[in-house]
Amino acid sequence: MKNMNKFVTFIIALVAFCAVFAFSAYVETHYTRECTVINVSNEVITLKDECGYLWEYEGTGYKIGDKVIAKMYTNHTD
């Protein structure tokens, strides 16, 4: 019975470690940018962020001037 409790404790600790690792990897590679919709062409939405960068994606229901928060992924680049 002691061995079973040790094994279960080990498995729980291992799962907790993996969850913390996965969460921190997600936090390090995802961020948000406040953007303004500057163009809508069919389903292609063009956004401009606070730094002046332009971003495009496909979506519906947006109009020019809308303020949006874009969720970004670094793809492990600087």
N, C-alpha and C. Protein backbone atom coordinates (compact mmCIF):
# COMPACT_ATOMS: atom_id res chain seq x y z
N MET A 1 0.82 -1.19 0.00
CA MET A 1 0.00 0.00 0.00
C MET A 1 0.87 1.26 0.00
N LYS A 2 1.99 1.23 0.74
CA LYS A 2 2.89 2.39 0.76
C LYS A 2 3.46 2.65 -0.63
N ASN A 3 3.82 1.57 -1.32
CA ASN A 3 4.36 1.73 -2.67
C ASN A 3 3.32 2.34 -3.61
N MET A 4 2.06 1.94 -3.45
CA MET A 4 1.00 2.49 -4.29
C MET A 4 0.82 3.98 -4.02
N ASN A 5 0.86 4.40 -2.76
CA ASN A 5 0.73 5.81 -2.41
C ASN A 5 1.90 6.62 -2.97
N LYS A 6 3.12 6.07 -2.90
CA LYS A 6 4.28 6.73 -3.46
C LYS A 6 4.15 6.88 -4.97
N PHE A 7 3.66 5.82 -5.61
CA PHE A 7 3.48 5.85 -7.06
C PHE A 7 2.45 6.89 -7.47
N VAL A 8 1.33 6.93 -6.77
CA VAL A 8 0.27 7.90 -7.07
C VAL A 8 0.79 9.31 -6.83
N THR A 9 1.52 9.53 -5.76
CA THR A 9 2.10 10.84 -5.47
C THR A 9 3.08 11.25 -6.57
N PHE A 10 3.89 10.29 -7.01
CA PHE A 10 4.84 10.57 -8.09
C PHE A 10 4.11 10.95 -9.37
N ILE A 11 3.06 10.23 -9.72
CA ILE A 11 2.31 10.52 -10.93
C ILE A 11 1.66 11.90 -10.85
N ILE A 12 1.08 12.24 -9.71
CA ILE A 12 0.47 13.56 -9.53
C ILE A 12 1.52 14.66 -9.66
N ALA A 13 2.68 14.46 -9.05
CA ALA A 13 3.76 15.46 -9.14
C ALA A 13 4.24 15.58 -10.57
N LEU A 14 4.35 14.49 -11.29
CA LEU A 14 4.78 14.51 -12.68
C LEU A 14 3.78 15.26 -13.56
N VAL A 15 2.51 14.99 -13.37
CA VAL A 15 1.46 15.69 -14.14
C VAL A 15 1.48 17.18 -13.82
N ALA A 16 1.64 17.55 -12.54
CA ALA A 16 1.70 18.96 -12.15
C ALA A 16 2.91 19.64 -12.79
N PHE A 17 4.05 18.97 -12.79
CA PHE A 17 5.26 19.53 -13.41
C PHE A 17 5.04 19.76 -14.90
N CYS A 18 4.47 18.78 -15.58
CA CYS A 18 4.22 18.91 -17.02
C CYS A 18 3.22 20.04 -17.30
N ALA A 19 2.21 20.18 -16.46
CA ALA A 19 1.22 21.25 -16.64
C ALA A 19 1.87 22.62 -16.47
N VAL A 20 2.72 22.77 -15.46
CA VAL A 20 3.41 24.05 -15.26
C VAL A 20 4.34 24.34 -16.43
N PHE A 21 5.04 23.33 -16.91
CA PHE A 21 5.94 23.50 -18.06
C PHE A 21 5.15 23.92 -19.30
N ALA A 22 4.04 23.26 -19.57
CA ALA A 22 3.23 23.60 -20.74
C ALA A 22 2.64 25.00 -20.63
N PHE A 23 2.19 25.37 -19.45
CA PHE A 23 1.62 26.70 -19.24
C PHE A 23 2.68 27.78 -19.46
N SER A 24 3.88 27.58 -18.92
CA SER A 24 4.92 28.61 -19.09
C SER A 24 5.38 28.67 -20.55
N ALA A 25 5.40 27.57 -21.26
CA ALA A 25 5.75 27.59 -22.68
C ALA A 25 4.70 28.37 -23.46
N TYR A 26 3.44 28.21 -23.11
CA TYR A 26 2.36 28.95 -23.77
C TYR A 26 2.49 30.45 -23.51
N VAL A 27 2.73 30.82 -22.25
CA VAL A 27 2.85 32.23 -21.88
C VAL A 27 4.02 32.90 -22.59
N GLU A 28 5.12 32.18 -22.77
CA GLU A 28 6.30 32.75 -23.42
C GLU A 28 6.13 32.94 -24.92
N THR A 29 5.19 32.25 -25.55
CA THR A 29 5.07 32.32 -27.00
C THR A 29 3.80 33.02 -27.49
N HIS A 30 2.94 33.45 -26.58
CA HIS A 30 1.70 34.12 -26.96
C HIS A 30 1.63 35.49 -26.29
N TYR A 31 1.14 36.47 -27.04
CA TYR A 31 0.99 37.82 -26.53
C TYR A 31 -0.16 38.49 -27.27
N THR A 32 -0.55 39.67 -26.82
CA THR A 32 -1.64 40.39 -27.47
C THR A 32 -1.17 41.75 -27.96
N ARG A 33 -1.86 42.27 -28.96
CA ARG A 33 -1.60 43.60 -29.49
C ARG A 33 -2.94 44.31 -29.67
N GLU A 34 -2.97 45.57 -29.26
CA GLU A 34 -4.16 46.38 -29.51
C GLU A 34 -4.05 46.92 -30.93
N CYS A 35 -5.08 46.71 -31.72
CA CYS A 35 -5.06 47.07 -33.13
C CYS A 35 -6.34 47.79 -33.53
N THR A 36 -6.27 48.44 -34.69
CA THR A 36 -7.41 49.09 -35.29
C THR A 36 -7.62 48.50 -36.68
N VAL A 37 -8.85 48.19 -37.02
CA VAL A 37 -9.16 47.68 -38.35
C VAL A 37 -9.05 48.84 -39.33
N ILE A 38 -8.17 48.69 -40.35
CA ILE A 38 -7.99 49.77 -41.31
C ILE A 38 -8.52 49.42 -42.70
N ASN A 39 -8.80 48.13 -42.94
CA ASN A 39 -9.33 47.74 -44.24
C ASN A 39 -10.09 46.43 -44.10
N VAL A 40 -11.20 46.34 -44.82
CA VAL A 40 -11.99 45.11 -44.88
C VAL A 40 -12.23 44.82 -46.35
N SER A 41 -11.69 43.72 -46.84
CA SER A 41 -11.85 43.33 -48.24
C SER A 41 -12.32 41.88 -48.27
N ASN A 42 -13.60 41.70 -48.57
CA ASN A 42 -14.24 40.38 -48.48
C ASN A 42 -14.04 39.84 -47.06
N GLU A 43 -13.31 38.76 -46.92
CA GLU A 43 -13.07 38.21 -45.58
C GLU A 43 -11.66 38.51 -45.06
N VAL A 44 -10.87 39.30 -45.79
CA VAL A 44 -9.52 39.66 -45.36
C VAL A 44 -9.59 40.96 -44.57
N ILE A 45 -9.20 40.89 -43.31
CA ILE A 45 -9.22 42.03 -42.41
C ILE A 45 -7.79 42.51 -42.22
N THR A 46 -7.54 43.80 -42.42
CA THR A 46 -6.21 44.37 -42.21
C THR A 46 -6.23 45.19 -40.93
N LEU A 47 -5.28 44.90 -40.04
CA LEU A 47 -5.16 45.58 -38.76
C LEU A 47 -3.88 46.38 -38.72
N LYS A 48 -3.90 47.48 -37.98
CA LYS A 48 -2.69 48.26 -37.73
C LYS A 48 -2.52 48.35 -36.22
N ASP A 49 -1.33 47.94 -35.74
CA ASP A 49 -1.10 47.98 -34.30
C ASP A 49 -0.49 49.31 -33.88
N GLU A 50 -0.23 49.46 -32.59
CA GLU A 50 0.29 50.71 -32.03
C GLU A 50 1.68 51.07 -32.56
N CYS A 51 2.44 50.07 -33.02
CA CYS A 51 3.78 50.31 -33.55
C CYS A 51 3.76 50.63 -35.04
N GLY A 52 2.60 50.58 -35.67
CA GLY A 52 2.49 50.85 -37.09
C GLY A 52 2.58 49.63 -37.98
N TYR A 53 2.72 48.44 -37.37
CA TYR A 53 2.78 47.21 -38.17
C TYR A 53 1.39 46.85 -38.67
N LEU A 54 1.35 46.27 -39.87
CA LEU A 54 0.08 45.83 -40.45
C LEU A 54 -0.02 44.31 -40.37
N TRP A 55 -1.21 43.84 -40.06
CA TRP A 55 -1.47 42.41 -39.93
C TRP A 55 -2.74 42.09 -40.71
N GLU A 56 -2.76 40.96 -41.37
CA GLU A 56 -3.96 40.53 -42.08
C GLU A 56 -4.38 39.15 -41.58
N TYR A 57 -5.68 38.95 -41.56
CA TYR A 57 -6.22 37.64 -41.25
C TYR A 57 -7.59 37.54 -41.87
N GLU A 58 -8.14 36.36 -41.88
CA GLU A 58 -9.47 36.15 -42.45
C GLU A 58 -10.50 36.13 -41.34
N GLY A 59 -11.57 36.88 -41.53
CA GLY A 59 -12.63 36.94 -40.54
C GLY A 59 -13.83 37.68 -41.09
N THR A 60 -14.88 37.71 -40.33
CA THR A 60 -16.09 38.41 -40.73
C THR A 60 -16.63 39.21 -39.55
N GLY A 61 -17.47 40.19 -39.87
CA GLY A 61 -18.14 40.95 -38.84
C GLY A 61 -17.39 42.17 -38.35
N TYR A 62 -16.37 42.60 -39.06
CA TYR A 62 -15.59 43.77 -38.65
C TYR A 62 -15.82 44.91 -39.62
N LYS A 63 -15.65 46.13 -39.13
CA LYS A 63 -15.73 47.30 -40.01
C LYS A 63 -14.56 48.22 -39.71
N ILE A 64 -14.23 49.07 -40.66
CA ILE A 64 -13.10 49.98 -40.51
C ILE A 64 -13.29 50.84 -39.27
N GLY A 65 -12.23 50.97 -38.49
CA GLY A 65 -12.26 51.76 -37.27
C GLY A 65 -12.49 50.95 -36.01
N ASP A 66 -12.88 49.68 -36.14
CA ASP A 66 -13.08 48.83 -34.96
C ASP A 66 -11.76 48.67 -34.22
N LYS A 67 -11.83 48.70 -32.91
CA LYS A 67 -10.67 48.42 -32.06
C LYS A 67 -10.73 46.95 -31.67
N VAL A 68 -9.64 46.25 -31.86
CA VAL A 68 -9.59 44.82 -31.54
C VAL A 68 -8.31 44.52 -30.77
N ILE A 69 -8.33 43.43 -30.06
CA ILE A 69 -7.12 42.92 -29.42
C ILE A 69 -6.77 41.62 -30.14
N ALA A 70 -5.63 41.63 -30.82
CA ALA A 70 -5.19 40.48 -31.60
C ALA A 70 -4.29 39.60 -30.74
N LYS A 71 -4.58 38.32 -30.74
CA LYS A 71 -3.75 37.36 -30.03
C LYS A 71 -2.68 36.87 -31.00
N MET A 72 -1.43 37.00 -30.61
CA MET A 72 -0.31 36.70 -31.50
C MET A 72 0.48 35.50 -30.98
N TYR A 73 1.18 34.84 -31.90
CA TYR A 73 2.04 33.70 -31.59
C TYR A 73 3.42 33.99 -32.16
N THR A 74 4.46 33.84 -31.35
CA THR A 74 5.82 34.18 -31.78
C THR A 74 6.42 33.18 -32.75
N ASN A 75 5.90 31.97 -32.79
CA ASN A 75 6.48 30.89 -33.59
C ASN A 75 7.95 30.69 -33.23
N HIS A 76 8.29 30.99 -31.99
CA HIS A 76 9.63 30.83 -31.41
C HIS A 76 10.67 31.66 -32.13
N THR A 77 10.29 32.86 -32.61
CA THR A 77 11.23 33.78 -33.23
C THR A 77 11.38 35.02 -32.36
N ASP A 78 12.42 35.77 -32.58
CA ASP A 78 12.62 37.01 -31.82
C ASP A 78 11.93 38.16 -32.50
